[in-house]
Amino acid sequence: MTVKLYRCITPTDRLCACGKVHRGLVEVGIDVDVERVPLSSKPGKRPEIVKLTGQPRVPVIVEADGTATHDSKTIVVGIKAGQVQG
């Protein structure tokens, strides 16, 4: 199964919270479908993120069951605890 990751356009996994989430998913062997979103975090620029989470910030993951989670710290804790399922 695959987790969808909505992330910023930063081209590396080392400079931002989105990259930290991506690295965490890959490290535990979860397949990741990445969708990069516009740089602006204005709600009008990221309507899909707002629809999923009620706020415009990334990273956001969507698990196979449709559960959407935002906030990199929350996501990373879930990955480490084995709660994120692809």
N, C-alpha and C. Protein backbone atom coordinates (compact mmCIF):
# COMPACT_ATOMS: atom_id res chain seq x y z
N MET A 1 0.84 -1.19 0.00
CA MET A 1 0.00 0.00 0.00
C MET A 1 0.88 1.25 0.00
N THR A 2 0.27 2.34 -0.31
CA THR A 2 1.00 3.60 -0.47
C THR A 2 0.39 4.69 0.38
N VAL A 3 1.24 5.54 0.90
CA VAL A 3 0.82 6.75 1.61
C VAL A 3 1.04 7.92 0.67
N LYS A 4 0.05 8.80 0.57
CA LYS A 4 0.22 10.00 -0.24
C LYS A 4 0.77 11.09 0.67
N LEU A 5 1.84 11.73 0.21
CA LEU A 5 2.47 12.82 0.95
C LEU A 5 2.35 14.10 0.15
N TYR A 6 1.65 15.07 0.72
CA TYR A 6 1.61 16.41 0.15
C TYR A 6 2.74 17.17 0.81
N ARG A 7 3.61 17.73 -0.01
CA ARG A 7 4.76 18.41 0.55
C ARG A 7 5.10 19.67 -0.24
N CYS A 8 6.02 20.46 0.31
CA CYS A 8 6.45 21.69 -0.34
C CYS A 8 7.31 21.38 -1.56
N ILE A 9 7.70 22.41 -2.25
CA ILE A 9 8.48 22.22 -3.47
C ILE A 9 9.98 22.17 -3.23
N THR A 10 10.42 22.22 -1.99
CA THR A 10 11.85 22.13 -1.69
C THR A 10 12.40 20.86 -2.32
N PRO A 11 13.46 20.97 -3.12
CA PRO A 11 13.93 19.83 -3.90
C PRO A 11 14.77 18.80 -3.13
N THR A 12 14.93 18.98 -1.85
CA THR A 12 15.74 18.05 -1.07
C THR A 12 14.97 17.57 0.16
N ASP A 13 15.39 16.45 0.72
CA ASP A 13 14.74 15.95 1.94
C ASP A 13 15.46 16.40 3.20
N ARG A 14 16.40 17.31 3.09
CA ARG A 14 17.21 17.72 4.24
C ARG A 14 16.88 19.10 4.78
N LEU A 15 16.13 19.91 4.06
CA LEU A 15 15.97 21.31 4.45
C LEU A 15 14.65 21.67 5.11
N CYS A 16 13.71 20.76 5.16
CA CYS A 16 12.39 21.16 5.64
C CYS A 16 11.68 20.01 6.35
N ALA A 17 10.59 20.35 7.01
CA ALA A 17 9.80 19.35 7.72
C ALA A 17 9.19 18.33 6.78
N CYS A 18 8.88 18.75 5.56
CA CYS A 18 8.33 17.81 4.58
C CYS A 18 9.33 16.70 4.27
N GLY A 19 10.59 17.08 4.15
CA GLY A 19 11.65 16.12 3.89
C GLY A 19 11.84 15.15 5.05
N LYS A 20 11.70 15.66 6.27
CA LYS A 20 11.82 14.81 7.45
C LYS A 20 10.75 13.72 7.43
N VAL A 21 9.53 14.09 7.07
CA VAL A 21 8.44 13.12 6.98
C VAL A 21 8.73 12.11 5.86
N HIS A 22 9.16 12.59 4.71
CA HIS A 22 9.47 11.70 3.59
C HIS A 22 10.55 10.70 3.98
N ARG A 23 11.61 11.18 4.60
CA ARG A 23 12.69 10.28 5.04
C ARG A 23 12.16 9.23 6.01
N GLY A 24 11.32 9.65 6.94
CA GLY A 24 10.77 8.71 7.92
C GLY A 24 9.94 7.62 7.27
N LEU A 25 9.12 7.98 6.31
CA LEU A 25 8.29 6.99 5.62
C LEU A 25 9.15 6.00 4.85
N VAL A 26 10.14 6.51 4.14
CA VAL A 26 11.02 5.65 3.35
C VAL A 26 11.82 4.72 4.26
N GLU A 27 12.30 5.23 5.39
CA GLU A 27 13.12 4.44 6.31
C GLU A 27 12.38 3.21 6.84
N VAL A 28 11.07 3.32 7.02
CA VAL A 28 10.31 2.17 7.54
C VAL A 28 9.70 1.34 6.41
N GLY A 29 10.02 1.68 5.18
CA GLY A 29 9.60 0.86 4.04
C GLY A 29 8.21 1.13 3.51
N ILE A 30 7.66 2.29 3.80
CA ILE A 30 6.33 2.64 3.29
C ILE A 30 6.49 3.30 1.93
N ASP A 31 5.74 2.80 0.94
CA ASP A 31 5.75 3.42 -0.39
C ASP A 31 5.10 4.79 -0.29
N VAL A 32 5.68 5.77 -0.97
CA VAL A 32 5.21 7.14 -0.87
C VAL A 32 4.88 7.68 -2.25
N ASP A 33 3.66 8.20 -2.38
CA ASP A 33 3.24 8.91 -3.58
C ASP A 33 3.32 10.39 -3.23
N VAL A 34 4.28 11.11 -3.80
CA VAL A 34 4.53 12.50 -3.44
C VAL A 34 3.79 13.45 -4.37
N GLU A 35 3.12 14.41 -3.78
CA GLU A 35 2.53 15.50 -4.55
C GLU A 35 3.04 16.81 -3.97
N ARG A 36 3.74 17.54 -4.81
CA ARG A 36 4.27 18.83 -4.37
C ARG A 36 3.21 19.90 -4.59
N VAL A 37 3.09 20.79 -3.61
CA VAL A 37 2.05 21.81 -3.65
C VAL A 37 2.70 23.19 -3.81
N PRO A 38 1.91 24.19 -4.21
CA PRO A 38 2.46 25.53 -4.40
C PRO A 38 3.16 26.05 -3.14
N LEU A 39 4.14 26.92 -3.35
CA LEU A 39 4.91 27.47 -2.24
C LEU A 39 4.04 28.27 -1.28
N SER A 40 3.10 29.01 -1.78
CA SER A 40 2.23 29.83 -0.93
C SER A 40 1.36 28.95 -0.05
N SER A 41 1.29 29.30 1.24
CA SER A 41 0.43 28.54 2.14
C SER A 41 -0.93 29.20 2.32
N LYS A 42 -1.28 30.11 1.43
CA LYS A 42 -2.61 30.72 1.48
C LYS A 42 -3.63 29.65 1.13
N PRO A 43 -4.74 29.61 1.88
CA PRO A 43 -5.76 28.57 1.64
C PRO A 43 -6.22 28.47 0.19
N GLY A 44 -6.31 29.59 -0.51
CA GLY A 44 -6.76 29.57 -1.90
C GLY A 44 -5.78 28.89 -2.84
N LYS A 45 -4.52 28.82 -2.44
CA LYS A 45 -3.49 28.18 -3.27
C LYS A 45 -3.39 26.68 -3.01
N ARG A 46 -3.95 26.23 -1.89
CA ARG A 46 -3.88 24.81 -1.52
C ARG A 46 -5.25 24.27 -1.11
N PRO A 47 -6.24 24.37 -1.98
CA PRO A 47 -7.60 23.96 -1.60
C PRO A 47 -7.71 22.48 -1.23
N GLU A 48 -6.93 21.62 -1.87
CA GLU A 48 -7.00 20.19 -1.57
C GLU A 48 -6.53 19.91 -0.14
N ILE A 49 -5.48 20.62 0.29
CA ILE A 49 -4.97 20.46 1.66
C ILE A 49 -6.02 20.95 2.66
N VAL A 50 -6.62 22.09 2.38
CA VAL A 50 -7.65 22.64 3.27
C VAL A 50 -8.82 21.67 3.37
N LYS A 51 -9.21 21.09 2.25
CA LYS A 51 -10.32 20.14 2.24
C LYS A 51 -10.00 18.91 3.11
N LEU A 52 -8.76 18.45 3.05
CA LEU A 52 -8.36 17.26 3.81
C LEU A 52 -8.21 17.52 5.30
N THR A 53 -7.64 18.70 5.66
CA THR A 53 -7.24 18.91 7.05
C THR A 53 -7.82 20.15 7.72
N GLY A 54 -8.46 21.01 6.95
CA GLY A 54 -9.02 22.24 7.52
C GLY A 54 -8.00 23.35 7.69
N GLN A 55 -6.79 23.14 7.20
CA GLN A 55 -5.74 24.15 7.28
C GLN A 55 -4.84 23.99 6.04
N PRO A 56 -4.04 25.02 5.68
CA PRO A 56 -3.31 24.96 4.42
C PRO A 56 -1.85 24.50 4.49
N ARG A 57 -1.34 24.17 5.65
CA ARG A 57 0.09 23.88 5.77
C ARG A 57 0.43 22.43 5.44
N VAL A 58 1.67 22.22 4.97
CA VAL A 58 2.19 20.89 4.70
C VAL A 58 3.39 20.67 5.60
N PRO A 59 3.74 19.43 5.86
CA PRO A 59 3.34 18.20 5.20
C PRO A 59 2.00 17.67 5.68
N VAL A 60 1.37 16.91 4.78
CA VAL A 60 0.14 16.18 5.07
C VAL A 60 0.31 14.79 4.48
N ILE A 61 -0.07 13.78 5.25
CA ILE A 61 -0.09 12.44 4.68
C ILE A 61 -1.53 11.95 4.65
N VAL A 62 -1.84 11.14 3.64
CA VAL A 62 -3.13 10.48 3.54
C VAL A 62 -2.85 8.99 3.45
N GLU A 63 -3.33 8.26 4.45
CA GLU A 63 -3.10 6.82 4.51
C GLU A 63 -4.08 6.08 3.62
N ALA A 64 -3.86 4.79 3.45
CA ALA A 64 -4.69 3.96 2.56
C ALA A 64 -6.16 3.99 2.94
N ASP A 65 -6.45 4.15 4.24
CA ASP A 65 -7.85 4.17 4.69
C ASP A 65 -8.49 5.55 4.55
N GLY A 66 -7.72 6.53 4.02
CA GLY A 66 -8.25 7.88 3.83
C GLY A 66 -7.97 8.83 4.96
N THR A 67 -7.35 8.37 6.04
CA THR A 67 -7.03 9.22 7.17
C THR A 67 -5.96 10.24 6.77
N ALA A 68 -6.25 11.51 6.98
CA ALA A 68 -5.30 12.58 6.68
C ALA A 68 -4.74 13.13 7.98
N THR A 69 -3.43 13.31 8.01
CA THR A 69 -2.75 13.84 9.19
C THR A 69 -1.81 14.95 8.76
N HIS A 70 -1.82 16.05 9.52
CA HIS A 70 -0.89 17.14 9.24
C HIS A 70 -0.02 17.36 10.48
N ASP A 71 0.99 18.18 10.36
CA ASP A 71 1.97 18.49 11.39
C ASP A 71 3.08 17.45 11.38
N SER A 72 4.26 17.89 10.99
CA SER A 72 5.38 16.96 10.83
C SER A 72 5.71 16.19 12.10
N LYS A 73 5.66 16.85 13.25
CA LYS A 73 5.99 16.16 14.50
C LYS A 73 4.99 15.04 14.78
N THR A 74 3.72 15.31 14.59
CA THR A 74 2.68 14.30 14.80
C THR A 74 2.88 13.13 13.84
N ILE A 75 3.19 13.44 12.59
CA ILE A 75 3.38 12.39 11.59
C ILE A 75 4.59 11.53 11.93
N VAL A 76 5.71 12.16 12.27
CA VAL A 76 6.93 11.42 12.57
C VAL A 76 6.75 10.53 13.80
N VAL A 77 6.08 11.04 14.82
CA VAL A 77 5.79 10.22 16.01
C VAL A 77 4.96 8.99 15.61
N GLY A 78 3.97 9.20 14.75
CA GLY A 78 3.14 8.08 14.27
C GLY A 78 3.93 7.06 13.47
N ILE A 79 4.86 7.55 12.65
CA ILE A 79 5.70 6.65 11.87
C ILE A 79 6.54 5.80 12.80
N LYS A 80 7.19 6.44 13.76
CA LYS A 80 8.08 5.73 14.69
C LYS A 80 7.32 4.74 15.57
N ALA A 81 6.06 5.05 15.87
CA ALA A 81 5.23 4.18 16.70
C ALA A 81 4.56 3.07 15.88
N GLY A 82 4.75 3.08 14.57
CA GLY A 82 4.14 2.06 13.72
C GLY A 82 2.68 2.28 13.47
N GLN A 83 2.20 3.50 13.70
CA GLN A 83 0.77 3.81 13.54
C GLN A 83 0.41 4.24 12.12
N VAL A 84 1.41 4.60 11.32
CA VAL A 84 1.14 5.00 9.94
C VAL A 84 1.20 3.77 9.07
N GLN A 85 0.11 3.53 8.37
CA GLN A 85 0.01 2.35 7.53
C GLN A 85 -0.15 2.75 6.06
N GLY A 86 0.64 2.12 5.23
CA GLY A 86 0.58 2.40 3.80
C GLY A 86 -0.53 1.61 3.15
